[in-house]
Amino acid sequence: MKTLLQNIRPEIQEGIFLKNPESSALGKSIVKEGVLLIDEIGFESFTFKKLGERIQTNESSVYRYFENKHKFLLYISSWYWSWMECRLVFETANLVDANDQLMKAVLLVTEDTADDISSDYIDESVLKRIIISDFTKTFLTKEVDDENREGFFKIYKRVIYRIAAIIKEVNPAYAYPESLASNIVEGSMHQHFLKQHLKTITNCNESVSPADFYLNMVNSIVIKSS
């Protein structure tokens, strides 16, 4: 599977970038080092000037690829969800039983993420930390409806739809498949955040992961009631 994933390029909606970062060594360096810099200093403190200094290029060179840092966050978020969609497809393809497919899908989107050596320049474990802390900033904006119409969130939504489709297969009578699927994906990020920063309002800790919580939830309300 890792060989297959290595040959797949992320599907990013045109309009998010000005010049495709995949097209050049500089573009890939902007994405790689931008991810690391956001992880180090936070998205609020992240600027293209700081990124340019880090990779020893002019700030204007970064602006040739991205209009602003919001579009950069949209890009790396889309990259993550494209990678996650590929994992969902490949790692559930050989599972015949729909229950097994559902539990595997839930595990993939809720578990801690390790760096995937199949991708050559992005550390997915670092990117996952950014998704946990900053992904909601991509759509909690006044421009969300316009950007949604432009397709900026279509890969993220496809991940939700894939999980919802498996829920429907497991339990056709379950009335809220899309709501549950989006809760699993979005809620697990929130639980990861609480586990790290607001520990007293979650049961997730060093021995109980967000994946444990959501696997238990799905088993209880979807599989056992099917």
C-alpha atoms as a PDB file:
ATOM      1  CA  MET A   1       0.000   0.000   0.000  1.00  0.00           C
ATOM      2  CA  LYS A   2       2.837   2.428   0.791  1.00  0.00           C
ATOM      3  CA  THR A   3       4.191   2.001  -2.742  1.00  0.00           C
ATOM      4  CA  LEU A   4       0.771   2.847  -4.163  1.00  0.00           C
ATOM      5  CA  LEU A   5       0.395   5.900  -1.928  1.00  0.00           C
ATOM      6  CA  GLN A   6       3.833   7.114  -2.931  1.00  0.00           C
ATOM      7  CA  ASN A   7       2.709   7.336  -6.549  1.00  0.00           C
ATOM      8  CA  ILE A   8      -0.428   9.339  -5.746  1.00  0.00           C
ATOM      9  CA  ARG A   9      -0.228  13.110  -5.739  1.00  0.00           C
ATOM     10  CA  PRO A  10      -2.595  15.085  -3.501  1.00  0.00           C
ATOM     11  CA  GLU A  11      -5.677  16.442  -5.240  1.00  0.00           C
ATOM     12  CA  ILE A  12      -5.872  20.141  -4.416  1.00  0.00           C
ATOM     13  CA  GLN A  13      -8.592  22.410  -5.805  1.00  0.00           C
ATOM     14  CA  GLU A  14      -7.329  25.073  -8.186  1.00  0.00           C
ATOM     15  CA  GLY A  15      -7.832  28.490  -6.685  1.00  0.00           C
ATOM     16  CA  ILE A  16      -6.253  27.519  -3.389  1.00  0.00           C
ATOM     17  CA  PHE A  17      -2.788  28.044  -4.859  1.00  0.00           C
ATOM     18  CA  LEU A  18      -1.440  30.457  -7.472  1.00  0.00           C
ATOM     19  CA  LYS A  19       1.313  28.094  -8.626  1.00  0.00           C
ATOM     20  CA  ASN A  20       1.253  24.389  -7.831  1.00  0.00           C
ATOM     21  CA  PRO A  21       3.901  23.743  -5.137  1.00  0.00           C
ATOM     22  CA  GLU A  22       4.268  20.190  -6.478  1.00  0.00           C
ATOM     23  CA  SER A  23       5.766  21.653  -9.652  1.00  0.00           C
ATOM     24  CA  SER A  24       9.107  22.756  -8.208  1.00  0.00           C
ATOM     25  CA  ALA A  25      11.685  22.092  -5.516  1.00  0.00           C
ATOM     26  CA  LEU A  26      11.040  25.577  -4.086  1.00  0.00           C
ATOM     27  CA  GLY A  27       7.296  24.910  -3.897  1.00  0.00           C
ATOM     28  CA  LYS A  28       7.843  21.641  -2.054  1.00  0.00           C
ATOM     29  CA  SER A  29      10.271  23.382   0.310  1.00  0.00           C
ATOM     30  CA  ILE A  30       7.672  26.097   1.005  1.00  0.00           C
ATOM     31  CA  VAL A  31       5.116  23.447   1.959  1.00  0.00           C
ATOM     32  CA  LYS A  32       7.526  21.274   3.959  1.00  0.00           C
ATOM     33  CA  GLU A  33       9.083  24.100   5.940  1.00  0.00           C
ATOM     34  CA  GLY A  34       5.784  25.962   6.259  1.00  0.00           C
ATOM     35  CA  VAL A  35       4.250  22.954   7.995  1.00  0.00           C
ATOM     36  CA  LEU A  36       7.217  22.709  10.373  1.00  0.00           C
ATOM     37  CA  LEU A  37       7.167  26.447  11.087  1.00  0.00           C
ATOM     38  CA  ILE A  38       3.449  26.518  11.888  1.00  0.00           C
ATOM     39  CA  ASP A  39       3.972  23.580  14.240  1.00  0.00           C
ATOM     40  CA  GLU A  40       6.784  25.442  15.980  1.00  0.00           C
ATOM     41  CA  ILE A  41       5.329  28.954  16.369  1.00  0.00           C
ATOM     42  CA  GLY A  42       1.590  28.542  15.741  1.00  0.00           C
ATOM     43  CA  PHE A  43      -0.563  29.682  12.837  1.00  0.00           C
ATOM     44  CA  GLU A  44      -1.258  33.101  14.375  1.00  0.00           C
ATOM     45  CA  SER A  45       2.468  33.936  14.467  1.00  0.00           C
ATOM     46  CA  PHE A  46       3.218  32.356  11.096  1.00  0.00           C
ATOM     47  CA  THR A  47       4.016  34.781   8.257  1.00  0.00           C
ATOM     48  CA  PHE A  48       5.411  34.402   4.762  1.00  0.00           C
ATOM     49  CA  LYS A  49       8.265  36.701   5.775  1.00  0.00           C
ATOM     50  CA  LYS A  50       9.313  34.263   8.503  1.00  0.00           C
ATOM     51  CA  LEU A  51       8.916  31.351   6.110  1.00  0.00           C
ATOM     52  CA  GLY A  52      11.052  33.106   3.494  1.00  0.00           C
ATOM     53  CA  GLU A  53      13.772  33.709   6.056  1.00  0.00           C
ATOM     54  CA  ARG A  54      13.641  30.058   7.084  1.00  0.00           C
ATOM     55  CA  ILE A  55      14.127  28.735   3.560  1.00  0.00           C
ATOM     56  CA  GLN A  56      16.428  31.610   2.548  1.00  0.00           C
ATOM     57  CA  THR A  57      14.253  33.035  -0.197  1.00  0.00           C
ATOM     58  CA  ASN A  58      12.436  36.303  -0.722  1.00  0.00           C
ATOM     59  CA  GLU A  59       8.996  36.693   0.837  1.00  0.00           C
ATOM     60  CA  SER A  60       7.745  37.520  -2.648  1.00  0.00           C
ATOM     61  CA  SER A  61       8.736  34.030  -3.806  1.00  0.00           C
ATOM     62  CA  VAL A  62       6.258  32.517  -1.345  1.00  0.00           C
ATOM     63  CA  TYR A  63       3.530  34.868  -2.589  1.00  0.00           C
ATOM     64  CA  ARG A  64       4.032  33.500  -6.102  1.00  0.00           C
ATOM     65  CA  TYR A  65       2.623  30.199  -4.808  1.00  0.00           C
ATOM     66  CA  PHE A  66       0.001  31.371  -2.299  1.00  0.00           C
ATOM     67  CA  GLU A  67      -2.098  34.513  -2.081  1.00  0.00           C
ATOM     68  CA  ASN A  68      -2.018  34.572   1.728  1.00  0.00           C
ATOM     69  CA  LYS A  69      -1.507  32.333   4.742  1.00  0.00           C
ATOM     70  CA  HIS A  70      -5.200  31.401   4.842  1.00  0.00           C
ATOM     71  CA  LYS A  71      -4.806  29.839   1.387  1.00  0.00           C
ATOM     72  CA  PHE A  72      -1.640  28.112   2.610  1.00  0.00           C
ATOM     73  CA  LEU A  73      -3.585  26.590   5.507  1.00  0.00           C
ATOM     74  CA  LEU A  74      -6.289  25.507   3.066  1.00  0.00           C
ATOM     75  CA  TYR A  75      -3.615  23.885   0.913  1.00  0.00           C
ATOM     76  CA  ILE A  76      -1.951  21.839   3.636  1.00  0.00           C
ATOM     77  CA  SER A  77      -5.368  20.899   5.058  1.00  0.00           C
ATOM     78  CA  SER A  78      -6.474  19.687   1.625  1.00  0.00           C
ATOM     79  CA  TRP A  79      -3.199  17.789   1.342  1.00  0.00           C
ATOM     80  CA  TYR A  80      -3.927  16.040   4.645  1.00  0.00           C
ATOM     81  CA  TRP A  81      -7.498  15.102   3.722  1.00  0.00           C
ATOM     82  CA  SER A  82      -6.399  13.879   0.296  1.00  0.00           C
ATOM     83  CA  TRP A  83      -3.813  11.650   1.976  1.00  0.00           C
ATOM     84  CA  MET A  84      -6.439  10.467   4.461  1.00  0.00           C
ATOM     85  CA  GLU A  85      -8.912   9.675   1.677  1.00  0.00           C
ATOM     86  CA  CYS A  86      -6.281   7.538  -0.054  1.00  0.00           C
ATOM     87  CA  ARG A  87      -5.691   5.641   3.177  1.00  0.00           C
ATOM     88  CA  LEU A  88      -9.416   5.075   3.644  1.00  0.00           C
ATOM     89  CA  VAL A  89      -9.736   3.681   0.132  1.00  0.00           C
ATOM     90  CA  PHE A  90      -6.714   1.400   0.234  1.00  0.00           C
ATOM     91  CA  GLU A  91      -6.980   0.156   3.815  1.00  0.00           C
ATOM     92  CA  THR A  92     -10.662  -0.770   3.615  1.00  0.00           C
ATOM     93  CA  ALA A  93     -10.612  -2.184   0.073  1.00  0.00           C
ATOM     94  CA  ASN A  94      -9.743  -5.743   1.092  1.00  0.00           C
ATOM     95  CA  LEU A  95     -12.166  -5.886   4.022  1.00  0.00           C
ATOM     96  CA  VAL A  96     -15.279  -7.818   3.006  1.00  0.00           C
ATOM     97  CA  ASP A  97     -17.360  -7.250   6.124  1.00  0.00           C
ATOM     98  CA  ALA A  98     -18.915  -3.769   6.365  1.00  0.00           C
ATOM     99  CA  ASN A  99     -18.542  -3.770  10.151  1.00  0.00           C
ATOM    100  CA  ASP A 100     -14.793  -4.270   9.759  1.00  0.00           C
ATOM    101  CA  GLN A 101     -14.687  -1.523   7.139  1.00  0.00           C
ATOM    102  CA  LEU A 102     -16.436   0.887   9.474  1.00  0.00           C
ATOM    103  CA  MET A 103     -14.221   0.173  12.450  1.00  0.00           C
ATOM    104  CA  LYS A 104     -11.113   0.501  10.269  1.00  0.00           C
ATOM    105  CA  ALA A 105     -12.319   3.797   8.812  1.00  0.00           C
ATOM    106  CA  VAL A 106     -13.064   5.194  12.269  1.00  0.00           C
ATOM    107  CA  LEU A 107      -9.654   4.090  13.516  1.00  0.00           C
ATOM    108  CA  LEU A 108      -7.860   5.749  10.615  1.00  0.00           C
ATOM    109  CA  VAL A 109      -9.443   9.178  11.116  1.00  0.00           C
ATOM    110  CA  THR A 110      -9.274   9.190  14.921  1.00  0.00           C
ATOM    111  CA  GLU A 111      -5.936   7.572  15.806  1.00  0.00           C
ATOM    112  CA  ASP A 112      -2.628   9.309  16.435  1.00  0.00           C
ATOM    113  CA  THR A 113      -0.793   9.757  13.147  1.00  0.00           C
ATOM    114  CA  ALA A 114       2.764   8.631  12.533  1.00  0.00           C
ATOM    115  CA  ASP A 115       4.933   9.966   9.738  1.00  0.00           C
ATOM    116  CA  ASP A 116       4.218   8.049   6.542  1.00  0.00           C
ATOM    117  CA  ILE A 117       7.503   7.283   4.789  1.00  0.00           C
ATOM    118  CA  SER A 118       5.594   6.887   1.520  1.00  0.00           C
ATOM    119  CA  SER A 119       5.374  10.693   1.209  1.00  0.00           C
ATOM    120  CA  ASP A 120       8.694  12.306   0.506  1.00  0.00           C
ATOM    121  CA  TYR A 121       8.542  15.808   1.948  1.00  0.00           C
ATOM    122  CA  ILE A 122       5.680  16.192   4.449  1.00  0.00           C
ATOM    123  CA  ASP A 123       5.737  14.735   7.951  1.00  0.00           C
ATOM    124  CA  GLU A 124       2.133  13.620   8.459  1.00  0.00           C
ATOM    125  CA  SER A 125       2.525  13.391  12.225  1.00  0.00           C
ATOM    126  CA  VAL A 126       3.401  17.106  12.323  1.00  0.00           C
ATOM    127  CA  LEU A 127       0.663  17.952   9.843  1.00  0.00           C
ATOM    128  CA  LYS A 128      -1.892  16.101  11.994  1.00  0.00           C
ATOM    129  CA  ARG A 129      -1.004  18.355  14.934  1.00  0.00           C
ATOM    130  CA  ILE A 130      -1.765  21.381  12.759  1.00  0.00           C
ATOM    131  CA  ILE A 131      -5.048  19.834  11.610  1.00  0.00           C
ATOM    132  CA  ILE A 132      -6.022  19.286  15.251  1.00  0.00           C
ATOM    133  CA  SER A 133      -5.266  22.845  16.293  1.00  0.00           C
ATOM    134  CA  ASP A 134      -5.991  24.873  13.168  1.00  0.00           C
ATOM    135  CA  PHE A 135      -8.183  23.077  10.614  1.00  0.00           C
ATOM    136  CA  THR A 136     -11.409  24.722  11.810  1.00  0.00           C
ATOM    137  CA  LYS A 137      -9.830  28.097  11.033  1.00  0.00           C
ATOM    138  CA  THR A 138     -10.125  27.242   7.343  1.00  0.00           C
ATOM    139  CA  PHE A 139     -13.922  27.418   7.436  1.00  0.00           C
ATOM    140  CA  LEU A 140     -14.835  29.510  10.480  1.00  0.00           C
ATOM    141  CA  THR A 141     -14.663  32.605   8.293  1.00  0.00           C
ATOM    142  CA  LYS A 142     -17.043  35.010   6.580  1.00  0.00           C
ATOM    143  CA  GLU A 143     -15.871  33.624   3.221  1.00  0.00           C
ATOM    144  CA  VAL A 144     -16.780  29.994   3.956  1.00  0.00           C
ATOM    145  CA  ASP A 145     -19.838  29.870   1.678  1.00  0.00           C
ATOM    146  CA  ASP A 146     -17.956  31.337  -1.278  1.00  0.00           C
ATOM    147  CA  GLU A 147     -14.988  29.045  -0.713  1.00  0.00           C
ATOM    148  CA  ASN A 148     -17.273  26.050  -0.350  1.00  0.00           C
ATOM    149  CA  ARG A 149     -18.899  26.875  -3.692  1.00  0.00           C
ATOM    150  CA  GLU A 150     -15.424  27.042  -5.215  1.00  0.00           C
ATOM    151  CA  GLY A 151     -14.775  23.504  -3.994  1.00  0.00           C
ATOM    152  CA  PHE A 152     -12.127  24.299  -1.399  1.00  0.00           C
ATOM    153  CA  PHE A 153     -13.580  21.766   1.076  1.00  0.00           C
ATOM    154  CA  LYS A 154     -14.594  19.024  -1.342  1.00  0.00           C
ATOM    155  CA  ILE A 155     -11.834  16.595  -0.324  1.00  0.00           C
ATOM    156  CA  TYR A 156     -12.672  16.976   3.368  1.00  0.00           C
ATOM    157  CA  LYS A 157     -16.348  16.434   2.563  1.00  0.00           C
ATOM    158  CA  ARG A 158     -15.523  13.324   0.534  1.00  0.00           C
ATOM    159  CA  VAL A 159     -13.872  11.807   3.604  1.00  0.00           C
ATOM    160  CA  ILE A 160     -17.106  12.419   5.521  1.00  0.00           C
ATOM    161  CA  TYR A 161     -19.208  10.954   2.714  1.00  0.00           C
ATOM    162  CA  ARG A 162     -17.074   7.809   2.544  1.00  0.00           C
ATOM    163  CA  ILE A 163     -17.529   7.125   6.249  1.00  0.00           C
ATOM    164  CA  ALA A 164     -21.249   7.945   6.061  1.00  0.00           C
ATOM    165  CA  ALA A 165     -21.641   5.482   3.164  1.00  0.00           C
ATOM    166  CA  ILE A 166     -20.141   2.689   5.260  1.00  0.00           C
ATOM    167  CA  ILE A 167     -22.417   3.589   8.179  1.00  0.00           C
ATOM    168  CA  LYS A 168     -25.419   3.297   5.842  1.00  0.00           C
ATOM    169  CA  GLU A 169     -24.213  -0.099   4.655  1.00  0.00           C
ATOM    170  CA  VAL A 170     -23.768  -1.363   8.202  1.00  0.00           C
ATOM    171  CA  ASN A 171     -27.067   0.004   9.470  1.00  0.00           C
ATOM    172  CA  PRO A 172     -29.458   1.313   6.778  1.00  0.00           C
ATOM    173  CA  ALA A 173     -31.977   2.205   9.484  1.00  0.00           C
ATOM    174  CA  TYR A 174     -29.621   4.615  11.236  1.00  0.00           C
ATOM    175  CA  ALA A 175     -31.068   8.071  10.648  1.00  0.00           C
ATOM    176  CA  TYR A 176     -27.997  10.299  11.025  1.00  0.00           C
ATOM    177  CA  PRO A 177     -25.076   8.878   9.024  1.00  0.00           C
ATOM    178  CA  GLU A 178     -23.614  12.186   7.796  1.00  0.00           C
ATOM    179  CA  SER A 179     -24.003  13.817  11.207  1.00  0.00           C
ATOM    180  CA  LEU A 180     -22.268  10.891  12.867  1.00  0.00           C
ATOM    181  CA  ALA A 181     -19.495  10.757  10.267  1.00  0.00           C
ATOM    182  CA  SER A 182     -18.744  14.471  10.582  1.00  0.00           C
ATOM    183  CA  ASN A 183     -18.893  14.174  14.379  1.00  0.00           C
ATOM    184  CA  ILE A 184     -16.365  11.340  14.304  1.00  0.00           C
ATOM    185  CA  VAL A 185     -13.915  13.288  12.158  1.00  0.00           C
ATOM    186  CA  GLU A 186     -14.363  16.720  13.704  1.00  0.00           C
ATOM    187  CA  GLY A 187     -14.994  15.489  17.236  1.00  0.00           C
ATOM    188  CA  SER A 188     -11.896  13.326  17.301  1.00  0.00           C
ATOM    189  CA  MET A 189      -9.758  16.370  16.503  1.00  0.00           C
ATOM    190  CA  HIS A 190     -11.424  18.206  19.367  1.00  0.00           C
ATOM    191  CA  GLN A 191     -10.817  15.293  21.733  1.00  0.00           C
ATOM    192  CA  HIS A 192      -7.141  15.212  20.737  1.00  0.00           C
ATOM    193  CA  PHE A 193      -6.962  18.924  21.526  1.00  0.00           C
ATOM    194  CA  LEU A 194      -8.683  18.509  24.898  1.00  0.00           C
ATOM    195  CA  LYS A 195      -6.419  15.595  25.767  1.00  0.00           C
ATOM    196  CA  GLN A 196      -3.411  17.861  25.247  1.00  0.00           C
ATOM    197  CA  HIS A 197      -4.650  21.131  26.713  1.00  0.00           C
ATOM    198  CA  LEU A 198      -7.948  20.910  28.666  1.00  0.00           C
ATOM    199  CA  LYS A 199      -7.550  17.514  30.251  1.00  0.00           C
ATOM    200  CA  THR A 200     -10.251  17.759  32.905  1.00  0.00           C
ATOM    201  CA  ILE A 201     -13.137  17.889  30.415  1.00  0.00           C
ATOM    202  CA  THR A 202     -12.349  14.717  28.504  1.00  0.00           C
ATOM    203  CA  ASN A 203     -11.970  11.067  29.435  1.00  0.00           C
ATOM    204  CA  CYS A 204      -9.185  10.707  26.891  1.00  0.00           C
ATOM    205  CA  ASN A 205      -5.758  10.431  28.479  1.00  0.00           C
ATOM    206  CA  GLU A 206      -2.528   8.465  28.189  1.00  0.00           C
ATOM    207  CA  SER A 207      -4.374   5.148  28.377  1.00  0.00           C
ATOM    208  CA  VAL A 208      -7.648   6.079  26.632  1.00  0.00           C
ATOM    209  CA  SER A 209      -7.341   7.557  23.138  1.00  0.00           C
ATOM    210  CA  PRO A 210      -9.911   9.458  21.066  1.00  0.00           C
ATOM    211  CA  ALA A 211      -9.884   6.395  18.804  1.00  0.00           C
ATOM    212  CA  ASP A 212     -11.003   4.224  21.746  1.00  0.00           C
ATOM    213  CA  PHE A 213     -13.869   6.604  22.464  1.00  0.00           C
ATOM    214  CA  TYR A 214     -15.156   6.754  18.891  1.00  0.00           C
ATOM    215  CA  LEU A 215     -14.744   3.036  18.230  1.00  0.00           C
ATOM    216  CA  ASN A 216     -16.849   2.406  21.333  1.00  0.00           C
ATOM    217  CA  MET A 217     -19.441   4.962  20.219  1.00  0.00           C
ATOM    218  CA  VAL A 218     -19.786   3.550  16.704  1.00  0.00           C
ATOM    219  CA  ASN A 219     -19.953  -0.022  17.953  1.00  0.00           C
ATOM    220  CA  SER A 220     -22.680   0.922  20.419  1.00  0.00           C
ATOM    221  CA  ILE A 221     -24.959   3.091  18.314  1.00  0.00           C
ATOM    222  CA  VAL A 222     -24.438   1.715  14.792  1.00  0.00           C
ATOM    223  CA  ILE A 223     -23.204  -1.869  14.814  1.00  0.00           C
ATOM    224  CA  LYS A 224     -25.006  -3.279  17.857  1.00  0.00           C
ATOM    225  CA  SER A 225     -28.273  -1.642  16.820  1.00  0.00           C
ATOM    226  CA  SER A 226     -28.126  -2.873  13.221  1.00  0.00           C
END
